Protein backbone atom coordinates (compact mmCIF):
# COMPACT_ATOMS: atom_id res chain seq x y z
CA UNK A 1 -5.83 -1.70 24.40
CA UNK A 2 -7.58 -4.96 25.32
CA UNK A 3 -8.72 -3.98 28.84
CA UNK A 4 -9.53 -0.51 27.50
CA UNK A 5 -12.04 -1.89 25.02
CA UNK A 6 -13.60 -4.01 27.76
CA UNK A 7 -14.13 -0.84 29.77
CA UNK A 8 -15.78 0.82 26.78
CA UNK A 9 -18.05 -2.23 26.39
CA UNK A 10 -18.99 -1.93 30.06
CA UNK A 11 -20.03 1.70 29.62
CA UNK A 12 -23.79 1.32 29.73
CA UNK A 13 -26.09 -1.68 29.79
CA UNK A 14 -25.63 -4.06 26.85
CA UNK A 15 -28.33 -6.26 25.34
CA UNK A 16 -27.78 -9.48 23.39
CA UNK A 17 -29.48 -7.70 20.49
CA UNK A 18 -26.46 -5.38 20.20
CA UNK A 19 -23.94 -8.19 19.77
CA UNK A 20 -21.57 -8.44 18.02
CA UNK A 21 -20.09 -5.15 19.26
CA UNK A 22 -16.91 -4.17 17.44
CA UNK A 23 -14.19 -1.73 18.52
CA UNK A 24 -10.96 -0.90 16.69
CA UNK A 25 -8.08 1.54 16.99
CA UNK A 26 -4.52 2.15 15.87
CA UNK A 27 -2.64 1.76 19.13
CA UNK A 28 1.01 2.28 19.97
CA UNK A 29 2.59 -0.81 21.53
CA UNK A 30 5.84 -0.74 23.54
CA UNK A 31 7.91 -3.83 24.25
CA UNK A 32 11.39 -3.80 25.76
CA UNK A 33 12.95 -6.24 23.31
CA UNK A 34 16.59 -7.22 23.99
CA UNK A 35 18.96 -5.23 21.79
CA UNK A 36 20.18 -8.41 20.11
CA UNK A 37 16.64 -9.27 19.02
CA UNK A 38 15.95 -5.94 17.28
CA UNK A 39 15.78 -6.31 13.51
CA UNK A 40 15.12 -3.26 11.32
CA UNK A 41 11.39 -2.64 11.06
CA UNK A 42 10.66 -6.34 11.56
CA UNK A 43 11.21 -6.33 15.32
CA UNK A 44 11.21 -3.02 17.17
CA UNK A 45 10.57 -1.70 20.65
CA UNK A 46 7.61 0.48 19.68
CA UNK A 47 5.17 -0.16 16.85
CA UNK A 48 1.66 0.68 15.72
CA UNK A 49 -0.94 -2.07 15.83
CA UNK A 50 -4.33 -2.16 14.14
CA UNK A 51 -5.98 -3.47 17.27
CA UNK A 52 -9.59 -4.61 17.26
CA UNK A 53 -11.92 -6.44 19.62
CA UNK A 54 -15.30 -7.98 18.94
CA UNK A 55 -17.71 -8.91 21.73
CA UNK A 56 -19.95 -11.81 20.77
CA UNK A 57 -22.13 -14.54 22.23
CA UNK A 58 -20.72 -18.06 22.14
CA UNK A 59 -23.11 -18.86 19.28
CA UNK A 60 -21.58 -16.03 17.24
CA UNK A 61 -17.94 -17.09 17.60
CA UNK A 62 -17.87 -19.17 14.42
CA UNK A 63 -19.60 -16.72 12.08
CA UNK A 64 -17.62 -13.72 13.31
CA UNK A 65 -14.30 -15.61 13.24
CA UNK A 66 -14.97 -16.80 9.70
CA UNK A 67 -15.73 -13.22 8.60
CA UNK A 68 -12.52 -11.91 10.23
CA UNK A 69 -10.39 -14.70 8.73
CA UNK A 70 -11.74 -14.11 5.23
CA UNK A 71 -11.25 -10.36 5.58
CA UNK A 72 -7.60 -10.81 6.61
CA UNK A 73 -6.90 -13.13 3.67
CA UNK A 74 -8.70 -10.81 1.24
CA UNK A 75 -6.62 -7.85 2.44
CA UNK A 76 -3.39 -9.85 2.03
CA UNK A 77 -4.38 -10.80 -1.52
CA UNK A 78 -4.98 -7.12 -2.30
CA UNK A 79 -1.38 -6.46 -1.28
CA UNK A 80 -0.12 -9.34 -3.43
CA UNK A 81 0.34 -12.00 -0.74
CA UNK A 82 -1.13 -15.29 -1.95
CA UNK A 83 1.07 -17.66 0.08
CA UNK A 84 -0.13 -17.03 3.64
CA UNK A 85 0.77 -19.58 6.29
CA UNK A 86 -1.64 -20.02 9.16
CA UNK A 87 -0.67 -21.45 12.54
CA UNK A 88 -2.99 -22.54 15.32
CA UNK A 89 -1.51 -21.81 18.75
CA UNK A 90 -3.10 -23.59 21.70
CA UNK A 91 -2.86 -23.12 25.48
CA UNK A 92 0.55 -22.10 26.86
CA UNK A 93 1.98 -23.52 30.09
CA UNK A 94 1.45 -20.18 31.87
CA UNK A 95 -2.14 -19.04 31.40
CA UNK A 96 -5.21 -17.72 33.14
CA UNK A 97 -8.53 -19.52 33.38
CA UNK A 98 -9.41 -23.14 34.03
CA UNK A 99 -9.16 -26.02 31.57
CA UNK A 100 -12.91 -26.09 30.95
CA UNK A 101 -12.83 -22.51 29.62
CA UNK A 102 -9.79 -23.31 27.48
CA UNK A 103 -11.49 -26.42 26.10
CA UNK A 104 -14.45 -24.31 24.96
CA UNK A 105 -12.23 -21.58 23.47
CA UNK A 106 -10.01 -24.01 21.56
CA UNK A 107 -12.98 -25.99 20.25
CA UNK A 108 -14.64 -22.77 19.07
CA UNK A 109 -11.54 -21.57 17.20
CA UNK A 110 -11.04 -24.96 15.55
CA UNK A 111 -14.70 -24.98 14.47
CA UNK A 112 -14.30 -21.50 13.00
CA UNK A 113 -11.15 -22.55 11.13
CA UNK A 114 -12.98 -25.54 9.68
CA UNK A 115 -15.96 -23.39 8.67
CA UNK A 116 -13.60 -20.90 6.96
CA UNK A 117 -12.01 -23.76 5.02
CA UNK A 118 -8.46 -22.91 6.05
CA UNK A 119 -5.58 -25.25 6.70
CA UNK A 120 -3.20 -24.63 9.58
CA UNK A 121 -0.23 -26.12 11.35
CA UNK A 122 -0.11 -26.53 15.12
CA UNK A 123 2.07 -24.12 17.07
CA UNK A 124 2.03 -26.07 20.31
CA UNK A 125 1.77 -24.10 23.54
CA UNK A 126 2.20 -20.69 21.87
CA UNK A 127 -1.27 -19.25 22.47
CA UNK A 128 -1.81 -16.01 24.38
CA UNK A 129 -2.07 -16.32 28.14
CA UNK A 130 -5.82 -15.66 27.91
CA UNK A 131 -6.82 -17.73 24.87
CA UNK A 132 -5.89 -19.71 21.73
CA UNK A 133 -5.10 -17.91 18.51
CA UNK A 134 -4.62 -18.14 14.77
CA UNK A 135 -1.40 -16.60 13.51
CA UNK A 136 -1.21 -15.33 9.93
CA UNK A 137 2.39 -15.64 8.83
CA UNK A 138 4.06 -13.89 5.88
CA UNK A 139 7.47 -14.79 4.47
CA UNK A 140 10.14 -12.20 3.69
CA UNK A 141 12.51 -12.03 0.72
CA UNK A 142 14.98 -14.56 2.14
CA UNK A 143 12.44 -17.05 3.41
CA UNK A 144 12.02 -16.04 7.04
CA UNK A 145 8.54 -16.29 8.55
CA UNK A 146 7.03 -13.30 10.39
CA UNK A 147 3.76 -13.30 12.29
CA UNK A 148 1.50 -10.47 11.17
CA UNK A 149 -2.26 -10.82 11.63
CA UNK A 150 -3.83 -12.66 14.55
CA UNK A 151 -7.24 -13.86 15.68
CA UNK A 152 -7.69 -14.86 19.32
CA UNK A 153 -10.67 -16.26 21.22
CA UNK A 154 -10.82 -14.97 24.78
CA UNK A 155 -13.26 -16.30 27.37
CA UNK A 156 -11.14 -15.12 30.29
CA UNK A 157 -10.61 -11.35 30.16
CA UNK A 158 -14.30 -10.29 29.91
CA UNK A 159 -15.16 -12.43 32.93
CA UNK A 160 -12.19 -11.25 34.99
CA UNK A 161 -13.03 -7.60 34.24
CA UNK A 162 -16.74 -7.96 34.94
CA UNK A 163 -18.13 -7.44 31.44
CA UNK A 164 -21.64 -8.75 30.79
CA UNK A 165 -24.70 -8.35 28.60
CA UNK A 166 -28.37 -9.13 29.19
CA UNK A 167 -29.58 -12.21 27.31
CA UNK A 168 -33.06 -12.99 25.96
CA UNK A 169 -34.10 -14.30 29.38
CA UNK A 170 -33.05 -11.06 31.13
CA UNK A 171 -30.07 -12.83 32.72
CA UNK A 172 -26.50 -11.55 32.89
CA UNK A 173 -24.12 -13.37 30.53
CA UNK A 174 -20.39 -12.93 29.96
CA UNK A 175 -19.50 -12.13 26.33
CA UNK A 176 -16.72 -13.80 24.39
CA UNK A 177 -14.01 -11.39 23.28
CA UNK A 178 -12.32 -11.86 19.90
CA UNK A 179 -8.98 -10.10 19.56
CA UNK A 180 -8.08 -9.38 15.96
CA UNK A 181 -5.31 -7.59 14.08
CA UNK A 182 -5.21 -7.56 10.29
CA UNK A 183 -1.61 -6.39 9.94
CA UNK A 184 -0.27 -6.76 13.49
CA UNK A 185 2.65 -4.36 13.41
CA UNK A 186 2.16 -1.80 10.62
CA UNK A 187 5.91 -1.23 10.56
CA UNK A 188 6.62 -4.94 10.10
CA UNK A 189 3.96 -5.27 7.43
CA UNK A 190 5.40 -2.35 5.46
CA UNK A 191 8.87 -3.88 5.62
CA UNK A 192 7.63 -7.26 4.36
CA UNK A 193 5.54 -5.54 1.67
CA UNK A 194 8.57 -3.66 0.31
CA UNK A 195 10.71 -6.80 0.37
CA UNK A 196 7.99 -8.94 -1.21
CA UNK A 197 7.69 -6.61 -4.21
CA UNK A 198 11.40 -5.67 -4.26
CA UNK A 199 10.27 -2.06 -4.13
CA UNK A 200 8.09 -2.53 -7.24
CA UNK A 201 4.82 -1.70 -5.52
CA UNK A 202 1.56 -2.42 -7.33
CA UNK A 203 0.26 0.59 -9.22
CA UNK A 204 -2.49 1.24 -6.67
CA UNK A 205 0.17 1.62 -3.96
CA UNK A 206 2.85 3.45 -5.95
CA UNK A 207 3.38 7.10 -4.99
CA UNK A 208 3.74 7.89 -8.72
CA UNK A 209 1.73 5.66 -11.04
CA UNK A 210 2.92 7.00 -14.38
CA UNK A 211 5.36 9.50 -15.86
CA UNK A 212 4.72 11.28 -19.17
CA UNK A 213 7.97 11.78 -21.11
CA UNK A 214 8.58 13.92 -24.15
CA UNK A 215 11.34 13.06 -26.61
CA UNK A 216 12.14 16.71 -27.37
CA UNK A 217 10.91 20.07 -26.20
CA UNK A 218 8.46 20.13 -29.13
CA UNK A 219 6.22 17.75 -27.14
CA UNK A 220 6.28 19.79 -23.93
CA UNK A 221 2.83 21.33 -24.39
CA UNK A 222 1.30 17.95 -25.23
CA UNK A 223 3.04 16.27 -22.28
CA UNK A 224 1.68 18.89 -19.87
CA UNK A 225 -1.82 18.59 -21.31
CA UNK A 226 -1.82 14.79 -21.04
CA UNK A 227 -0.45 14.94 -17.51
CA UNK A 228 -3.24 17.29 -16.48
CA UNK A 229 -5.83 15.04 -18.16
CA UNK A 230 -4.61 11.97 -16.29
CA UNK A 231 -4.45 13.86 -12.99
CA UNK A 232 -8.06 14.90 -13.49
CA UNK A 233 -8.88 11.19 -13.72
CA UNK A 234 -7.55 10.80 -10.17
CA UNK A 235 -4.23 9.24 -11.21
CA UNK A 236 -0.88 10.09 -9.65
CA UNK A 237 1.09 11.26 -12.66
CA UNK A 238 4.21 13.35 -13.24
CA UNK A 239 5.70 14.91 -16.36
CA UNK A 240 9.38 14.92 -17.29
CA UNK A 241 10.34 17.93 -19.41
CA UNK A 242 14.07 17.88 -18.71
CA UNK A 243 16.51 18.46 -21.53
CA UNK A 244 17.85 14.90 -21.37
CA UNK A 245 17.89 11.97 -23.78
CA UNK A 246 14.72 9.90 -23.67
CA UNK A 247 16.72 6.75 -22.87
CA UNK A 248 18.19 8.47 -19.82
CA UNK A 249 14.73 9.49 -18.62
CA UNK A 250 13.30 6.01 -19.12
CA UNK A 251 16.17 4.40 -17.22
CA UNK A 252 15.88 6.85 -14.33
CA UNK A 253 12.13 6.37 -13.89
CA UNK A 254 12.56 2.60 -14.24
CA UNK A 255 15.04 2.71 -11.36
CA UNK A 256 12.45 4.74 -9.42
CA UNK A 257 10.14 1.77 -10.05
CA UNK A 258 7.37 3.88 -11.60
CA UNK A 259 4.81 1.34 -12.95
CA UNK A 260 4.11 3.01 -16.32
CA UNK A 261 6.21 5.20 -18.61
CA UNK A 262 4.27 7.16 -21.24
CA UNK A 263 6.44 8.43 -24.10
CA UNK A 264 5.33 11.01 -26.65
CA UNK A 265 7.17 11.94 -29.83
CA UNK A 266 5.99 13.90 -32.88
CA UNK A 267 3.97 10.94 -34.24
CA UNK A 268 2.19 10.42 -30.93
CA UNK A 269 1.38 14.11 -30.63
CA UNK A 270 -0.07 14.21 -34.13
CA UNK A 271 -2.30 11.19 -33.45
CA UNK A 272 -3.12 12.13 -29.83
CA UNK A 273 -1.53 8.91 -28.58
CA UNK A 274 1.02 7.69 -26.04
CA UNK A 275 3.61 4.96 -26.31
CA UNK A 276 3.19 2.87 -23.15
CA UNK A 277 5.85 0.71 -21.50
CA UNK A 278 6.12 -0.85 -18.06
CA UNK A 279 8.97 -0.57 -15.57
CA UNK A 280 9.94 -4.14 -16.50
CA UNK A 281 10.56 -2.97 -20.07
CA UNK A 282 7.47 -4.50 -21.67
CA UNK A 283 6.16 -2.50 -24.64
CA UNK A 284 2.36 -2.21 -24.46
CA UNK A 285 2.04 -0.34 -27.74
CA UNK A 286 0.28 2.96 -28.32
CA UNK A 287 -3.03 4.13 -26.97
CA UNK A 288 -4.91 7.32 -26.29
CA UNK A 289 -4.61 9.04 -22.90
CA UNK A 290 -8.31 8.35 -22.25
CA UNK A 291 -7.95 4.61 -22.98
CA UNK A 292 -4.85 4.37 -20.81
CA UNK A 293 -6.63 6.12 -17.94
CA UNK A 294 -9.61 3.80 -18.28
CA UNK A 295 -7.43 0.68 -18.30
CA UNK A 296 -5.33 1.82 -15.36
CA UNK A 297 -8.46 2.67 -13.41
CA UNK A 298 -9.67 -0.93 -13.87
CA UNK A 299 -6.32 -2.17 -12.54
CA UNK A 300 -6.44 0.17 -9.55
CA UNK A 301 -10.04 -0.62 -8.67
CA UNK A 302 -9.30 -4.35 -8.74
CA UNK A 303 -6.06 -3.92 -6.75
CA UNK A 304 -4.01 -5.23 -9.69
CA UNK A 305 -5.93 -8.47 -10.14
CA UNK A 306 -6.93 -7.36 -13.64
CA UNK A 307 -3.84 -6.04 -15.39
CA UNK A 308 -4.21 -3.38 -18.06
CA UNK A 309 -2.93 -4.68 -21.39
CA UNK A 310 -3.52 -1.72 -23.69
């Protein structure tokens, strides 16, 4: 993907006024990992990467790197990851380019890290063969660290592949190439996400966000009407009209890890209300379908940072 984006950049004459130029794609990556190193979805031989490259001037390295770093951390927070470890990986023993180029690349990435206000630990000699990088590391359920997102500063590949732009003095200049991946391996990120939440995905990610449950068949019509109302609000809602005890239904949907269980008996039907409880068993009291939908919408729009409390 990296050389491919350089070739796209080279398609046509580029001016400094166009920079930064950003390309991104979901690319399939193949690596022949030893069989003993394979580990579920965490380490596989083929995975999908959210691969992106940004072509900038040297003066734009800091501002663009800060924007990418903040975006990565914001995305992780949306998914519920607050404890993100960041590692700075400098030049490896086997690399391309001379030391002067590496000095500039490493200084630029350190300056960007300082400007972004992030703290990192040194991962000595573990940079890419073409440039230093920041590694965004997430921890799984049993405390193992897995690299996910990356940000790399590359002064080598654009020069080696003949990429250039025209600067303000009408001279040819080689751009700096920033390699960035928010998630890295989508398969690995999904595995860590499921482990991190123990399957209890935030409501905005849950396939089913709420289930409406009637106590007896007398509430069936009301349950269906409420379900349709909530669906019309853009919520992912199911109804449970089975001829089973309400306790059985609640336990089953709790095991399915549905975020909200909405129970309706005769009293709730008469008052046009719902009894709301969470999958953790917390009773949130009664509320109208419209108020519940409004509160849940606030939670979804804020990616769970503002929790609906009835």
